[in-house]
């Protein structure tokens, strides 16, 4: 595995563009970077297919105000990338560091696992 911290401009455009859209709560644009059979795992919940994930993206965190900052990123291999985001806001705990583990296929996000940063 090749674990190096990358600047966001070194990430694949699909990952950069998805994160940019999801950070501003633009679920429609974010969904355009997803494979039809996308699987998203967020903590203990799993969402399958573009429609279900679009709803998740639209509703996730909508009851809170928060900022998002990328604090780390690395390439696992050509199809697997991990981006660490720091969220600060009005949600319980006020601060969270989350790993977004992307699996790419055909230029789209095929799987996304969101978990607490170790």
PDB file of N, CA and C in Angstrom:
ATOM      1  N   UNK A   1       0.829  -1.181   0.000  1.00  0.00           N
ATOM      2  CA  UNK A   1       0.000   0.000   0.000  1.00  0.00           C
ATOM      3  C   UNK A   1       0.873   1.243   0.000  1.00  0.00           C
ATOM      4  N   UNK A   2       0.401   2.244  -0.700  1.00  0.00           N
ATOM      5  CA  UNK A   2       1.123   3.502  -0.790  1.00  0.00           C
ATOM      6  C   UNK A   2       0.355   4.549   0.009  1.00  0.00           C
ATOM      7  N   UNK A   3       0.748   4.770   1.253  1.00  0.00           N
ATOM      8  CA  UNK A   3       0.053   5.729   2.123  1.00  0.00           C
ATOM      9  C   UNK A   3       0.856   7.011   2.194  1.00  0.00           C
ATOM     10  N   UNK A   4       0.433   7.992   1.440  1.00  0.00           N
ATOM     11  CA  UNK A   4       1.079   9.296   1.524  1.00  0.00           C
ATOM     12  C   UNK A   4      -0.002  10.345   1.626  1.00  0.00           C
ATOM     13  N   UNK A   5       0.308  11.412   2.342  1.00  0.00           N
ATOM     14  CA  UNK A   5      -0.640  12.510   2.402  1.00  0.00           C
ATOM     15  C   UNK A   5      -0.598  13.264   1.087  1.00  0.00           C
ATOM     16  N   UNK A   6      -1.751  13.473   0.509  1.00  0.00           N
ATOM     17  CA  UNK A   6      -1.868  14.135  -0.782  1.00  0.00           C
ATOM     18  C   UNK A   6      -2.622  15.448  -0.629  1.00  0.00           C
ATOM     19  N   UNK A   7      -2.261  16.399  -1.440  1.00  0.00           N
ATOM     20  CA  UNK A   7      -3.073  17.601  -1.548  1.00  0.00           C
ATOM     21  C   UNK A   7      -4.338  17.213  -2.302  1.00  0.00           C
ATOM     22  N   UNK A   8      -5.404  17.969  -2.093  1.00  0.00           N
ATOM     23  CA  UNK A   8      -6.669  17.606  -2.740  1.00  0.00           C
ATOM     24  C   UNK A   8      -6.555  17.620  -4.257  1.00  0.00           C
ATOM     25  N   UNK A   9      -5.664  18.455  -4.840  1.00  0.00           N
ATOM     26  CA  UNK A   9      -5.562  18.473  -6.299  1.00  0.00           C
ATOM     27  C   UNK A   9      -4.867  17.233  -6.849  1.00  0.00           C
ATOM     28  N   UNK A  10      -4.305  16.385  -5.966  1.00  0.00           N
ATOM     29  CA  UNK A  10      -3.697  15.124  -6.400  1.00  0.00           C
ATOM     30  C   UNK A  10      -4.702  13.975  -6.393  1.00  0.00           C
ATOM     31  N   UNK A  11      -5.886  14.225  -5.858  1.00  0.00           N
ATOM     32  CA  UNK A  11      -6.939  13.206  -5.844  1.00  0.00           C
ATOM     33  C   UNK A  11      -7.570  13.100  -7.228  1.00  0.00           C
ATOM     34  N   UNK A  12      -8.162  11.945  -7.545  1.00  0.00           N
ATOM     35  CA  UNK A  12      -8.898  11.832  -8.811  1.00  0.00           C
ATOM     36  C   UNK A  12     -10.019  12.883  -8.856  1.00  0.00           C
ATOM     37  N   UNK A  13     -10.277  13.405 -10.040  1.00  0.00           N
ATOM     38  CA  UNK A  13     -11.303  14.453 -10.168  1.00  0.00           C
ATOM     39  C   UNK A  13     -12.659  13.985  -9.664  1.00  0.00           C
ATOM     40  N   UNK A  14     -12.992  12.702  -9.840  1.00  0.00           N
ATOM     41  CA  UNK A  14     -14.272  12.185  -9.353  1.00  0.00           C
ATOM     42  C   UNK A  14     -14.393  12.377  -7.841  1.00  0.00           C
ATOM     43  N   UNK A  15     -13.328  12.073  -7.116  1.00  0.00           N
ATOM     44  CA  UNK A  15     -13.332  12.211  -5.654  1.00  0.00           C
ATOM     45  C   UNK A  15     -13.414  13.691  -5.278  1.00  0.00           C
ATOM     46  N   UNK A  16     -12.573  14.512  -5.893  1.00  0.00           N
ATOM     47  CA  UNK A  16     -12.580  15.962  -5.604  1.00  0.00           C
ATOM     48  C   UNK A  16     -13.950  16.573  -5.864  1.00  0.00           C
ATOM     49  N   UNK A  17     -14.519  16.260  -7.033  1.00  0.00           N
ATOM     50  CA  UNK A  17     -15.791  16.869  -7.421  1.00  0.00           C
ATOM     51  C   UNK A  17     -16.941  16.378  -6.549  1.00  0.00           C
ATOM     52  N   UNK A  18     -16.937  15.086  -6.201  1.00  0.00           N
ATOM     53  CA  UNK A  18     -17.963  14.556  -5.300  1.00  0.00           C
ATOM     54  C   UNK A  18     -17.897  15.259  -3.954  1.00  0.00           C
ATOM     55  N   UNK A  19     -16.688  15.371  -3.386  1.00  0.00           N
ATOM     56  CA  UNK A  19     -16.543  16.008  -2.076  1.00  0.00           C
ATOM     57  C   UNK A  19     -16.933  17.485  -2.131  1.00  0.00           C
ATOM     58  N   UNK A  20     -16.558  18.169  -3.200  1.00  0.00           N
ATOM     59  CA  UNK A  20     -16.914  19.588  -3.333  1.00  0.00           C
ATOM     60  C   UNK A  20     -18.427  19.761  -3.342  1.00  0.00           C
ATOM     61  N   UNK A  21     -19.123  18.905  -4.079  1.00  0.00           N
ATOM     62  CA  UNK A  21     -20.580  18.999  -4.158  1.00  0.00           C
ATOM     63  C   UNK A  21     -21.239  18.601  -2.844  1.00  0.00           C
ATOM     64  N   UNK A  22     -20.763  17.524  -2.226  1.00  0.00           N
ATOM     65  CA  UNK A  22     -21.404  17.069  -0.985  1.00  0.00           C
ATOM     66  C   UNK A  22     -21.130  18.040   0.160  1.00  0.00           C
ATOM     67  N   UNK A  23     -19.983  18.714   0.149  1.00  0.00           N
ATOM     68  CA  UNK A  23     -19.650  19.673   1.204  1.00  0.00           C
ATOM     69  C   UNK A  23     -20.626  20.848   1.208  1.00  0.00           C
ATOM     70  N   UNK A  24     -21.105  21.240   0.039  1.00  0.00           N
ATOM     71  CA  UNK A  24     -22.070  22.357  -0.034  1.00  0.00           C
ATOM     72  C   UNK A  24     -23.513  21.832  -0.114  1.00  0.00           C
ATOM     73  N   UNK A  25     -23.695  20.561   0.213  1.00  0.00           N
ATOM     74  CA  UNK A  25     -25.020  19.917   0.269  1.00  0.00           C
ATOM     75  C   UNK A  25     -25.739  19.942  -1.077  1.00  0.00           C
ATOM     76  N   UNK A  26     -24.971  19.790  -2.168  1.00  0.00           N
ATOM     77  CA  UNK A  26     -25.545  19.712  -3.511  1.00  0.00           C
ATOM     78  C   UNK A  26     -25.665  18.233  -3.890  1.00  0.00           C
ATOM     79  N   UNK A  27     -26.735  17.605  -3.395  1.00  0.00           N
ATOM     80  CA  UNK A  27     -26.912  16.159  -3.588  1.00  0.00           C
ATOM     81  C   UNK A  27     -27.069  15.802  -5.064  1.00  0.00           C
ATOM     82  N   UNK A  28     -27.694  16.685  -5.843  1.00  0.00           N
ATOM     83  CA  UNK A  28     -27.889  16.391  -7.267  1.00  0.00           C
ATOM     84  C   UNK A  28     -26.551  16.267  -7.984  1.00  0.00           C
ATOM     85  N   UNK A  29     -25.665  17.240  -7.773  1.00  0.00           N
ATOM     86  CA  UNK A  29     -24.348  17.185  -8.413  1.00  0.00           C
ATOM     87  C   UNK A  29     -23.527  16.039  -7.850  1.00  0.00           C
ATOM     88  N   UNK A  30     -23.524  15.868  -6.538  1.00  0.00           N
ATOM     89  CA  UNK A  30     -22.750  14.780  -5.926  1.00  0.00           C
ATOM     90  C   UNK A  30     -23.180  13.433  -6.492  1.00  0.00           C
ATOM     91  N   UNK A  31     -24.487  13.244  -6.692  1.00  0.00           N
ATOM     92  CA  UNK A  31     -25.002  11.971  -7.199  1.00  0.00           C
ATOM     93  C   UNK A  31     -24.539  11.681  -8.619  1.00  0.00           C
ATOM     94  N   UNK A  32     -24.196  12.712  -9.377  1.00  0.00           N
ATOM     95  CA  UNK A  32     -23.758  12.500 -10.757  1.00  0.00           C
ATOM     96  C   UNK A  32     -22.404  11.793 -10.832  1.00  0.00           C
ATOM     97  N   UNK A  33     -21.686  11.701  -9.722  1.00  0.00           N
ATOM     98  CA  UNK A  33     -20.387  11.024  -9.686  1.00  0.00           C
ATOM     99  C   UNK A  33     -20.500   9.595  -9.166  1.00  0.00           C
ATOM    100  N   UNK A  34     -21.726   9.109  -8.994  1.00  0.00           N
ATOM    101  CA  UNK A  34     -21.962   7.787  -8.407  1.00  0.00           C
ATOM    102  C   UNK A  34     -22.360   6.769  -9.461  1.00  0.00           C
ATOM    103  N   UNK A  35     -21.845   5.552  -9.304  1.00  0.00           N
ATOM    104  CA  UNK A  35     -22.283   4.437 -10.138  1.00  0.00           C
ATOM    105  C   UNK A  35     -23.739   4.112  -9.796  1.00  0.00           C
ATOM    106  N   UNK A  36     -24.467   3.551 -10.740  1.00  0.00           N
ATOM    107  CA  UNK A  36     -25.875   3.187 -10.504  1.00  0.00           C
ATOM    108  C   UNK A  36     -26.025   2.251  -9.307  1.00  0.00           C
ATOM    109  N   UNK A  37     -25.048   1.335  -9.139  1.00  0.00           N
ATOM    110  CA  UNK A  37     -25.129   0.340  -8.073  1.00  0.00           C
ATOM    111  C   UNK A  37     -24.281   0.729  -6.856  1.00  0.00           C
ATOM    112  N   UNK A  38     -24.097   2.021  -6.659  1.00  0.00           N
ATOM    113  CA  UNK A  38     -23.306   2.550  -5.545  1.00  0.00           C
ATOM    114  C   UNK A  38     -23.751   1.950  -4.211  1.00  0.00           C
ATOM    115  N   UNK A  39     -22.785   1.701  -3.340  1.00  0.00           N
ATOM    116  CA  UNK A  39     -23.060   1.293  -1.963  1.00  0.00           C
ATOM    117  C   UNK A  39     -22.339   2.288  -1.057  1.00  0.00           C
ATOM    118  N   UNK A  40     -23.093   2.887  -0.134  1.00  0.00           N
ATOM    119  CA  UNK A  40     -22.506   3.797   0.847  1.00  0.00           C
ATOM    120  C   UNK A  40     -22.781   3.232   2.228  1.00  0.00           C
ATOM    121  N   UNK A  41     -21.723   3.146   3.031  1.00  0.00           N
ATOM    122  CA  UNK A  41     -21.849   2.730   4.419  1.00  0.00           C
ATOM    123  C   UNK A  41     -21.429   3.933   5.259  1.00  0.00           C
ATOM    124  N   UNK A  42     -22.370   4.433   6.066  1.00  0.00           N
ATOM    125  CA  UNK A  42     -22.100   5.564   6.946  1.00  0.00           C
ATOM    126  C   UNK A  42     -22.355   5.100   8.365  1.00  0.00           C
ATOM    127  N   UNK A  43     -21.244   4.945   9.125  1.00  0.00           N
ATOM    128  CA  UNK A  43     -21.310   4.387  10.469  1.00  0.00           C
ATOM    129  C   UNK A  43     -21.982   3.017  10.375  1.00  0.00           C
ATOM    130  N   UNK A  44     -23.187   2.820  10.903  1.00  0.00           N
ATOM    131  CA  UNK A  44     -23.797   1.486  10.882  1.00  0.00           C
ATOM    132  C   UNK A  44     -24.883   1.347   9.825  1.00  0.00           C
ATOM    133  N   UNK A  45     -25.096   2.376   9.005  1.00  0.00           N
ATOM    134  CA  UNK A  45     -26.164   2.317   8.005  1.00  0.00           C
ATOM    135  C   UNK A  45     -25.596   2.092   6.613  1.00  0.00           C
ATOM    136  N   UNK A  46     -26.314   1.279   5.820  1.00  0.00           N
ATOM    137  CA  UNK A  46     -25.912   1.011   4.443  1.00  0.00           C
ATOM    138  C   UNK A  46     -27.000   1.504   3.501  1.00  0.00           C
ATOM    139  N   UNK A  47     -26.564   2.193   2.447  1.00  0.00           N
ATOM    140  CA  UNK A  47     -27.472   2.722   1.423  1.00  0.00           C
ATOM    141  C   UNK A  47     -27.036   2.137   0.090  1.00  0.00           C
ATOM    142  N   UNK A  48     -28.010   1.651  -0.697  1.00  0.00           N
ATOM    143  CA  UNK A  48     -27.692   0.973  -1.951  1.00  0.00           C
ATOM    144  C   UNK A  48     -28.425   1.613  -3.119  1.00  0.00           C
ATOM    145  N   UNK A  49     -27.690   1.832  -4.198  1.00  0.00           N
ATOM    146  CA  UNK A  49     -28.272   2.384  -5.413  1.00  0.00           C
ATOM    147  C   UNK A  49     -28.272   3.908  -5.398  1.00  0.00           C
ATOM    148  N   UNK A  50     -28.223   4.486  -6.592  1.00  0.00           N
ATOM    149  CA  UNK A  50     -28.090   5.933  -6.711  1.00  0.00           C
ATOM    150  C   UNK A  50     -29.249   6.693  -6.073  1.00  0.00           C
ATOM    151  N   UNK A  51     -30.484   6.202  -6.196  1.00  0.00           N
ATOM    152  CA  UNK A  51     -31.637   6.918  -5.626  1.00  0.00           C
ATOM    153  C   UNK A  51     -31.573   6.961  -4.104  1.00  0.00           C
ATOM    154  N   UNK A  52     -31.289   5.829  -3.480  1.00  0.00           N
ATOM    155  CA  UNK A  52     -31.219   5.762  -2.020  1.00  0.00           C
ATOM    156  C   UNK A  52     -30.061   6.619  -1.495  1.00  0.00           C
ATOM    157  N   UNK A  53     -28.928   6.570  -2.194  1.00  0.00           N
ATOM    158  CA  UNK A  53     -27.770   7.359  -1.778  1.00  0.00           C
ATOM    159  C   UNK A  53     -28.040   8.853  -1.984  1.00  0.00           C
ATOM    160  N   UNK A  54     -28.758   9.199  -3.055  1.00  0.00           N
ATOM    161  CA  UNK A  54     -29.113  10.609  -3.280  1.00  0.00           C
ATOM    162  C   UNK A  54     -29.928  11.139  -2.103  1.00  0.00           C
ATOM    163  N   UNK A  55     -30.890  10.362  -1.635  1.00  0.00           N
ATOM    164  CA  UNK A  55     -31.690  10.766  -0.470  1.00  0.00           C
ATOM    165  C   UNK A  55     -30.810  10.913   0.759  1.00  0.00           C
ATOM    166  N   UNK A  56     -29.897   9.969   0.972  1.00  0.00           N
ATOM    167  CA  UNK A  56     -28.958  10.047   2.092  1.00  0.00           C
ATOM    168  C   UNK A  56     -28.135  11.332   2.000  1.00  0.00           C
ATOM    169  N   UNK A  57     -27.591  11.629   0.818  1.00  0.00           N
ATOM    170  CA  UNK A  57     -26.764  12.830   0.648  1.00  0.00           C
ATOM    171  C   UNK A  57     -27.570  14.097   0.907  1.00  0.00           C
ATOM    172  N   UNK A  58     -28.822  14.085   0.506  1.00  0.00           N
ATOM    173  CA  UNK A  58     -29.674  15.258   0.683  1.00  0.00           C
ATOM    174  C   UNK A  58     -29.994  15.489   2.159  1.00  0.00           C
ATOM    175  N   UNK A  59     -30.172  14.400   2.922  1.00  0.00           N
ATOM    176  CA  UNK A  59     -30.643  14.523   4.302  1.00  0.00           C
ATOM    177  C   UNK A  59     -29.544  14.453   5.358  1.00  0.00           C
ATOM    178  N   UNK A  60     -28.391  13.865   5.035  1.00  0.00           N
ATOM    179  CA  UNK A  60     -27.338  13.651   6.037  1.00  0.00           C
ATOM    180  C   UNK A  60     -26.851  14.970   6.613  1.00  0.00           C
ATOM    181  N   UNK A  61     -26.965  15.099   7.909  1.00  0.00           N
ATOM    182  CA  UNK A  61     -26.460  16.275   8.599  1.00  0.00           C
ATOM    183  C   UNK A  61     -27.253  17.541   8.381  1.00  0.00           C
ATOM    184  N   UNK A  62     -28.402  17.444   7.703  1.00  0.00           N
ATOM    185  CA  UNK A  62     -29.156  18.657   7.352  1.00  0.00           C
ATOM    186  C   UNK A  62     -29.721  19.376   8.575  1.00  0.00           C
ATOM    187  N   UNK A  63     -29.811  18.676   9.711  1.00  0.00           N
ATOM    188  CA  UNK A  63     -30.352  19.307  10.915  1.00  0.00           C
ATOM    189  C   UNK A  63     -29.279  20.084  11.685  1.00  0.00           C
ATOM    190  N   UNK A  64     -28.026  20.024  11.204  1.00  0.00           N
ATOM    191  CA  UNK A  64     -26.918  20.673  11.901  1.00  0.00           C
ATOM    192  C   UNK A  64     -26.243  21.697  10.992  1.00  0.00           C
ATOM    193  N   UNK A  65     -25.550  22.642  11.613  1.00  0.00           N
ATOM    194  CA  UNK A  65     -24.663  23.533  10.884  1.00  0.00           C
ATOM    195  C   UNK A  65     -23.246  23.090  11.185  1.00  0.00           C
ATOM    196  N   UNK A  66     -22.412  22.996  10.148  1.00  0.00           N
ATOM    197  CA  UNK A  66     -21.033  22.566  10.371  1.00  0.00           C
ATOM    198  C   UNK A  66     -20.146  22.984   9.208  1.00  0.00           C
ATOM    199  N   UNK A  67     -18.858  23.022   9.500  1.00  0.00           N
ATOM    200  CA  UNK A  67     -17.860  23.275   8.472  1.00  0.00           C
ATOM    201  C   UNK A  67     -17.090  21.989   8.222  1.00  0.00           C
ATOM    202  N   UNK A  68     -16.522  21.880   7.033  1.00  0.00           N
ATOM    203  CA  UNK A  68     -15.779  20.689   6.638  1.00  0.00           C
ATOM    204  C   UNK A  68     -14.406  21.110   6.133  1.00  0.00           C
ATOM    205  N   UNK A  69     -13.378  20.427   6.624  1.00  0.00           N
ATOM    206  CA  UNK A  69     -12.015  20.717   6.177  1.00  0.00           C
ATOM    207  C   UNK A  69     -11.311  19.396   5.894  1.00  0.00           C
ATOM    208  N   UNK A  70     -10.672  19.302   4.731  1.00  0.00           N
ATOM    209  CA  UNK A  70      -9.878  18.114   4.434  1.00  0.00           C
ATOM    210  C   UNK A  70      -8.576  18.207   5.206  1.00  0.00           C
ATOM    211  N   UNK A  71      -8.285  17.174   6.017  1.00  0.00           N
ATOM    212  CA  UNK A  71      -7.054  17.189   6.818  1.00  0.00           C
ATOM    213  C   UNK A  71      -6.090  16.084   6.408  1.00  0.00           C
ATOM    214  N   UNK A  72      -6.494  15.237   5.474  1.00  0.00           N
ATOM    215  CA  UNK A  72      -5.595  14.178   5.014  1.00  0.00           C
ATOM    216  C   UNK A  72      -6.179  13.462   3.815  1.00  0.00           C
ATOM    217  N   UNK A  73      -5.297  12.824   3.066  1.00  0.00           N
ATOM    218  CA  UNK A  73      -5.736  12.018   1.923  1.00  0.00           C
ATOM    219  C   UNK A  73      -4.600  11.095   1.530  1.00  0.00           C
ATOM    220  N   UNK A  74      -4.954   9.905   1.090  1.00  0.00           N
ATOM    221  CA  UNK A  74      -3.935   9.016   0.545  1.00  0.00           C
ATOM    222  C   UNK A  74      -4.520   8.048  -0.469  1.00  0.00           C
ATOM    223  N   UNK A  75      -3.628   7.615  -1.345  1.00  0.00           N
ATOM    224  CA  UNK A  75      -3.957   6.641  -2.384  1.00  0.00           C
ATOM    225  C   UNK A  75      -3.603   5.270  -1.842  1.00  0.00           C
ATOM    226  N   UNK A  76      -4.553   4.355  -1.901  1.00  0.00           N
ATOM    227  CA  UNK A  76      -4.278   2.968  -1.547  1.00  0.00           C
ATOM    228  C   UNK A  76      -3.786   2.246  -2.803  1.00  0.00           C
ATOM    229  N   UNK A  77      -4.543   2.386  -3.898  1.00  0.00           N
ATOM    230  CA  UNK A  77      -4.143   1.921  -5.224  1.00  0.00           C
ATOM    231  C   UNK A  77      -4.959   2.735  -6.227  1.00  0.00           C
ATOM    232  N   UNK A  78      -4.898   2.401  -7.496  1.00  0.00           N
ATOM    233  CA  UNK A  78      -5.549   3.222  -8.514  1.00  0.00           C
ATOM    234  C   UNK A  78      -7.056   3.386  -8.301  1.00  0.00           C
ATOM    235  N   UNK A  79      -7.690   2.421  -7.649  1.00  0.00           N
ATOM    236  CA  UNK A  79      -9.149   2.455  -7.483  1.00  0.00           C
ATOM    237  C   UNK A  79      -9.606   2.744  -6.060  1.00  0.00           C
ATOM    238  N   UNK A  80      -8.679   2.886  -5.129  1.00  0.00           N
ATOM    239  CA  UNK A  80      -9.036   3.076  -3.717  1.00  0.00           C
ATOM    240  C   UNK A  80      -8.296   4.283  -3.142  1.00  0.00           C
ATOM    241  N   UNK A  81      -9.080   5.213  -2.588  1.00  0.00           N
ATOM    242  CA  UNK A  81      -8.548   6.455  -2.045  1.00  0.00           C
ATOM    243  C   UNK A  81      -9.220   6.730  -0.710  1.00  0.00           C
ATOM    244  N   UNK A  82      -8.489   7.310   0.226  1.00  0.00           N
ATOM    245  CA  UNK A  82      -9.050   7.664   1.530  1.00  0.00           C
ATOM    246  C   UNK A  82      -8.824   9.156   1.754  1.00  0.00           C
ATOM    247  N   UNK A  83      -9.909   9.847   2.074  1.00  0.00           N
ATOM    248  CA  UNK A  83      -9.839  11.271   2.391  1.00  0.00           C
ATOM    249  C   UNK A  83     -10.350  11.444   3.814  1.00  0.00           C
ATOM    250  N   UNK A  84      -9.574  12.142   4.645  1.00  0.00           N
ATOM    251  CA  UNK A  84      -9.976  12.398   6.022  1.00  0.00           C
ATOM    252  C   UNK A  84     -10.494  13.828   6.119  1.00  0.00           C
ATOM    253  N   UNK A  85     -11.721  13.950   6.615  1.00  0.00           N
ATOM    254  CA  UNK A  85     -12.365  15.254   6.769  1.00  0.00           C
ATOM    255  C   UNK A  85     -12.599  15.536   8.244  1.00  0.00           C
ATOM    256  N   UNK A  86     -12.396  16.782   8.618  1.00  0.00           N
ATOM    257  CA  UNK A  86     -12.690  17.250   9.976  1.00  0.00           C
ATOM    258  C   UNK A  86     -13.946  18.105   9.892  1.00  0.00           C
ATOM    259  N   UNK A  87     -14.980  17.704  10.648  1.00  0.00           N
ATOM    260  CA  UNK A  87     -16.229  18.452  10.710  1.00  0.00           C
ATOM    261  C   UNK A  87     -16.324  19.114  12.081  1.00  0.00           C
ATOM    262  N   UNK A  88     -16.700  20.383  12.074  1.00  0.00           N
ATOM    263  CA  UNK A  88     -16.938  21.109  13.322  1.00  0.00           C
ATOM    264  C   UNK A  88     -18.285  21.783  13.205  1.00  0.00           C
ATOM    265  N   UNK A  89     -19.134  21.614  14.244  1.00  0.00           N
ATOM    266  CA  UNK A  89     -20.441  22.241  14.153  1.00  0.00           C
ATOM    267  C   UNK A  89     -21.335  21.974  15.339  1.00  0.00           C
ATOM    268  N   UNK A  90     -22.641  22.060  15.071  1.00  0.00           N
ATOM    269  CA  UNK A  90     -23.651  22.007  16.120  1.00  0.00           C
ATOM    270  C   UNK A  90     -24.155  20.590  16.393  1.00  0.00           C
ATOM    271  N   UNK A  91     -23.523  19.576  15.837  1.00  0.00           N
ATOM    272  CA  UNK A  91     -23.920  18.183  16.088  1.00  0.00           C
ATOM    273  C   UNK A  91     -23.361  17.724  17.429  1.00  0.00           C
ATOM    274  N   UNK A  92     -23.894  16.632  18.005  1.00  0.00           N
ATOM    275  CA  UNK A  92     -23.393  16.138  19.292  1.00  0.00           C
ATOM    276  C   UNK A  92     -21.879  15.890  19.237  1.00  0.00           C
ATOM    277  N   UNK A  93     -21.171  16.414  20.204  1.00  0.00           N
ATOM    278  CA  UNK A  93     -19.720  16.280  20.240  1.00  0.00           C
ATOM    279  C   UNK A  93     -18.998  17.458  19.609  1.00  0.00           C
ATOM    280  N   UNK A  94     -19.617  18.082  18.624  1.00  0.00           N
ATOM    281  CA  UNK A  94     -19.085  19.303  18.037  1.00  0.00           C
ATOM    282  C   UNK A  94     -17.944  19.162  17.060  1.00  0.00           C
ATOM    283  N   UNK A  95     -17.164  18.068  17.152  1.00  0.00           N
ATOM    284  CA  UNK A  95     -16.030  17.846  16.251  1.00  0.00           C
ATOM    285  C   UNK A  95     -15.996  16.367  15.887  1.00  0.00           C
ATOM    286  N   UNK A  96     -15.757  16.084  14.624  1.00  0.00           N
ATOM    287  CA  UNK A  96     -15.600  14.694  14.184  1.00  0.00           C
ATOM    288  C   UNK A  96     -14.544  14.644  13.095  1.00  0.00           C
ATOM    289  N   UNK A  97     -13.717  13.632  13.136  1.00  0.00           N
ATOM    290  CA  UNK A  97     -12.785  13.366  12.046  1.00  0.00           C
ATOM    291  C   UNK A  97     -13.207  12.055  11.420  1.00  0.00           C
ATOM    292  N   UNK A  98     -13.536  12.130  10.131  1.00  0.00           N
ATOM    293  CA  UNK A  98     -14.097  10.984   9.422  1.00  0.00           C
ATOM    294  C   UNK A  98     -13.234  10.619   8.227  1.00  0.00           C
ATOM    295  N   UNK A  99     -13.058   9.319   8.017  1.00  0.00           N
ATOM    296  CA  UNK A  99     -12.401   8.814   6.812  1.00  0.00           C
ATOM    297  C   UNK A  99     -13.475   8.490   5.785  1.00  0.00           C
ATOM    298  N   UNK A 100     -13.306   9.013   4.591  1.00  0.00           N
ATOM    299  CA  UNK A 100     -14.151   8.701   3.448  1.00  0.00           C
ATOM    300  C   UNK A 100     -13.328   7.763   2.575  1.00  0.00           C
ATOM    301  N   UNK A 101     -13.690   6.479   2.569  1.00  0.00           N
ATOM    302  CA  UNK A 101     -12.939   5.467   1.813  1.00  0.00           C
ATOM    303  C   UNK A 101     -13.668   5.224   0.489  1.00  0.00           C
ATOM    304  N   UNK A 102     -13.055   5.688  -0.583  1.00  0.00           N
ATOM    305  CA  UNK A 102     -13.653   5.613  -1.916  1.00  0.00           C
ATOM    306  C   UNK A 102     -13.136   4.412  -2.683  1.00  0.00           C
ATOM    307  N   UNK A 103     -14.064   3.724  -3.364  1.00  0.00           N
ATOM    308  CA  UNK A 103     -13.712   2.728  -4.367  1.00  0.00           C
ATOM    309  C   UNK A 103     -14.245   3.253  -5.690  1.00  0.00           C
ATOM    310  N   UNK A 104     -13.350   3.417  -6.671  1.00  0.00           N
ATOM    311  CA  UNK A 104     -13.736   3.933  -7.979  1.00  0.00           C
ATOM    312  C   UNK A 104     -13.833   2.799  -8.985  1.00  0.00           C
ATOM    313  N   UNK A 105     -14.762   2.954  -9.934  1.00  0.00           N
ATOM    314  CA  UNK A 105     -14.911   1.996 -11.030  1.00  0.00           C
ATOM    315  C   UNK A 105     -15.429   2.766 -12.230  1.00  0.00           C
ATOM    316  N   UNK A 106     -14.703   2.717 -13.314  1.00  0.00           N
ATOM    317  CA  UNK A 106     -15.144   3.369 -14.535  1.00  0.00           C
ATOM    318  C   UNK A 106     -15.326   4.872 -14.384  1.00  0.00           C
ATOM    319  N   UNK A 107     -14.489   5.496 -13.572  1.00  0.00           N
ATOM    320  CA  UNK A 107     -14.566   6.938 -13.391  1.00  0.00           C
ATOM    321  C   UNK A 107     -15.663   7.408 -12.452  1.00  0.00           C
ATOM    322  N   UNK A 108     -16.344   6.461 -11.792  1.00  0.00           N
ATOM    323  CA  UNK A 108     -17.419   6.805 -10.854  1.00  0.00           C
ATOM    324  C   UNK A 108     -17.136   6.199  -9.488  1.00  0.00           C
ATOM    325  N   UNK A 109     -17.799   6.713  -8.473  1.00  0.00           N
ATOM    326  CA  UNK A 109     -17.691   6.153  -7.133  1.00  0.00           C
ATOM    327  C   UNK A 109     -18.596   4.918  -7.065  1.00  0.00           C
ATOM    328  N   UNK A 110     -17.998   3.756  -6.844  1.00  0.00           N
ATOM    329  CA  UNK A 110     -18.755   2.503  -6.759  1.00  0.00           C
ATOM    330  C   UNK A 110     -19.097   2.159  -5.317  1.00  0.00           C
ATOM    331  N   UNK A 111     -18.223   2.597  -4.397  1.00  0.00           N
ATOM    332  CA  UNK A 111     -18.461   2.340  -2.975  1.00  0.00           C
ATOM    333  C   UNK A 111     -17.829   3.465  -2.181  1.00  0.00           C
ATOM    334  N   UNK A 112     -18.513   3.851  -1.102  1.00  0.00           N
ATOM    335  CA  UNK A 112     -18.001   4.857  -0.180  1.00  0.00           C
ATOM    336  C   UNK A 112     -18.286   4.381   1.228  1.00  0.00           C
ATOM    337  N   UNK A 113     -17.245   4.273   2.034  1.00  0.00           N
ATOM    338  CA  UNK A 113     -17.394   3.901   3.438  1.00  0.00           C
ATOM    339  C   UNK A 113     -16.954   5.100   4.257  1.00  0.00           C
ATOM    340  N   UNK A 114     -17.866   5.590   5.105  1.00  0.00           N
ATOM    341  CA  UNK A 114     -17.598   6.740   5.969  1.00  0.00           C
ATOM    342  C   UNK A 114     -17.491   6.220   7.392  1.00  0.00           C
ATOM    343  N   UNK A 115     -16.338   6.433   8.019  1.00  0.00           N
ATOM    344  CA  UNK A 115     -16.110   5.891   9.364  1.00  0.00           C
ATOM    345  C   UNK A 115     -15.262   6.863  10.162  1.00  0.00           C
ATOM    346  N   UNK A 116     -15.319   6.717  11.471  1.00  0.00           N
ATOM    347  CA  UNK A 116     -14.484   7.545  12.337  1.00  0.00           C
ATOM    348  C   UNK A 116     -13.024   7.323  11.985  1.00  0.00           C
ATOM    349  N   UNK A 117     -12.267   8.410  11.971  1.00  0.00           N
ATOM    350  CA  UNK A 117     -10.829   8.338  11.688  1.00  0.00           C
ATOM    351  C   UNK A 117     -10.138   7.656  12.868  1.00  0.00           C
ATOM    352  N   UNK A 118      -9.287   6.701  12.555  1.00  0.00           N
ATOM    353  CA  UNK A 118      -8.595   5.937  13.609  1.00  0.00           C
ATOM    354  C   UNK A 118      -7.571   6.801  14.320  1.00  0.00           C
TER     355      UNK A 118
END
